[in-house]
């Protein structure tokens, strides 16, 4: 079963979300679910509660948060980290679709993925 996505505030790109939605990927943006200005922990908690993998460009903070959750035995629905480099829309979409096609929701559970690997 494919995993749904939540784009955090920094990663929210409407064109990417539109393209993924056209490919039948379930994706929501932080602004669509009232998460603008919300801290990292709350964003991950919201994504986890909704069973959504979280895409973020905030690599350092979320990698640290992932490690902390793992130490505490707190599961999440997956983290996808992308560096702050300037990704083109097509490249983001291609990499996210590839990851989405390869990993199931069960495989993404509490998993940390770097988008650059896809």
Protein backbone atom coordinates (compact mmCIF):
# COMPACT_ATOMS: atom_id res chain seq x y z
CA UNK A 1 0.00 0.00 0.00
CA UNK A 2 1.45 3.41 -0.98
CA UNK A 3 2.20 5.98 1.66
CA UNK A 4 0.54 9.41 1.86
CA UNK A 5 2.71 12.51 2.14
CA UNK A 6 2.79 15.74 4.11
CA UNK A 7 5.05 18.53 2.86
CA UNK A 8 6.26 20.71 5.72
CA UNK A 9 6.24 24.49 5.39
CA UNK A 10 9.72 24.70 3.86
CA UNK A 11 9.07 21.93 1.34
CA UNK A 12 5.58 23.07 0.31
CA UNK A 13 5.71 23.49 -3.43
CA UNK A 14 2.31 23.71 -5.10
CA UNK A 15 3.59 22.59 -8.50
CA UNK A 16 5.15 19.46 -7.00
CA UNK A 17 1.98 18.68 -5.04
CA UNK A 18 -0.16 19.16 -8.17
CA UNK A 19 2.06 16.85 -10.22
CA UNK A 20 2.03 14.17 -7.53
CA UNK A 21 -1.74 14.45 -7.14
CA UNK A 22 -2.12 14.00 -10.91
CA UNK A 23 -0.12 10.78 -10.47
CA UNK A 24 -2.64 9.70 -7.76
CA UNK A 25 -0.31 10.33 -4.82
CA UNK A 26 -2.09 11.45 -1.64
CA UNK A 27 -0.24 14.63 -0.64
CA UNK A 28 -1.12 17.59 1.57
CA UNK A 29 0.79 20.79 2.24
CA UNK A 30 1.42 22.21 5.71
CA UNK A 31 -0.67 25.27 4.91
CA UNK A 32 -3.64 23.09 3.94
CA UNK A 33 -3.76 21.46 7.37
CA UNK A 34 -3.00 24.47 9.58
CA UNK A 35 0.68 23.78 10.23
CA UNK A 36 2.18 27.12 9.20
CA UNK A 37 4.55 28.37 11.88
CA UNK A 38 4.29 25.13 13.86
CA UNK A 39 7.48 23.63 15.32
CA UNK A 40 9.26 20.60 13.92
CA UNK A 41 8.15 18.23 16.68
CA UNK A 42 4.50 19.16 16.18
CA UNK A 43 4.79 18.72 12.41
CA UNK A 44 6.25 15.24 12.80
CA UNK A 45 3.62 14.37 15.39
CA UNK A 46 0.85 15.56 13.04
CA UNK A 47 2.28 13.54 10.16
CA UNK A 48 2.66 10.46 12.38
CA UNK A 49 -0.91 10.74 13.68
CA UNK A 50 -2.19 10.94 10.11
CA UNK A 51 0.01 8.12 8.85
CA UNK A 52 1.81 10.48 6.45
CA UNK A 53 5.48 10.47 5.58
CA UNK A 54 6.88 13.97 6.01
CA UNK A 55 8.95 15.70 3.31
CA UNK A 56 11.22 18.47 4.56
CA UNK A 57 14.27 20.47 3.50
CA UNK A 58 15.18 20.94 7.16
CA UNK A 59 17.66 18.06 7.11
CA UNK A 60 19.66 18.61 10.31
CA UNK A 61 16.75 19.31 12.64
CA UNK A 62 14.59 16.47 11.38
CA UNK A 63 17.47 13.95 11.30
CA UNK A 64 18.05 14.82 14.97
CA UNK A 65 14.31 14.59 15.69
CA UNK A 66 14.16 11.18 13.97
CA UNK A 67 17.04 9.92 16.14
CA UNK A 68 15.34 11.21 19.27
CA UNK A 69 12.05 9.55 18.39
CA UNK A 70 13.85 6.28 17.63
CA UNK A 71 15.61 6.39 21.02
CA UNK A 72 12.25 6.97 22.73
CA UNK A 73 10.56 4.19 20.74
CA UNK A 74 8.17 6.68 19.13
CA UNK A 75 7.11 5.56 15.64
CA UNK A 76 6.34 7.87 12.75
CA UNK A 77 5.14 7.26 9.19
CA UNK A 78 8.47 8.12 7.59
CA UNK A 79 10.73 11.09 6.98
CA UNK A 80 12.00 12.18 3.58
CA UNK A 81 14.86 14.65 3.81
CA UNK A 82 15.99 16.77 0.89
CA UNK A 83 18.88 19.21 1.00
CA UNK A 84 18.10 22.89 0.61
CA UNK A 85 19.67 22.90 -2.85
CA UNK A 86 17.50 24.28 -5.58
CA UNK A 87 15.56 21.26 -6.81
CA UNK A 88 13.68 21.62 -10.08
CA UNK A 89 10.03 20.67 -9.92
CA UNK A 90 10.48 17.78 -12.37
CA UNK A 91 13.42 16.37 -10.42
CA UNK A 92 11.54 16.52 -7.12
CA UNK A 93 8.52 14.84 -8.69
CA UNK A 94 10.63 12.14 -10.38
CA UNK A 95 12.48 11.26 -7.17
CA UNK A 96 9.35 11.29 -5.01
CA UNK A 97 7.45 9.11 -7.51
CA UNK A 98 10.33 6.65 -7.58
CA UNK A 99 10.45 6.43 -3.79
CA UNK A 100 6.66 6.18 -3.67
CA UNK A 101 6.68 3.31 -6.17
CA UNK A 102 9.38 1.34 -4.32
CA UNK A 103 8.46 1.79 -0.64
CA UNK A 104 5.13 0.83 0.93
CA UNK A 105 3.55 2.58 3.89
CA UNK A 106 4.70 -0.33 6.09
CA UNK A 107 8.28 0.00 4.80
CA UNK A 108 8.29 3.75 5.44
CA UNK A 109 7.25 3.33 9.08
CA UNK A 110 9.87 5.08 11.24
CA UNK A 111 12.22 5.15 8.25
CA UNK A 112 14.49 8.03 7.28
CA UNK A 113 15.07 8.48 3.54
CA UNK A 114 17.28 11.02 1.80
CA UNK A 115 15.69 12.14 -1.45
CA UNK A 116 19.12 12.48 -3.05
CA UNK A 117 19.36 8.65 -2.96
CA UNK A 118 16.36 8.33 -5.24
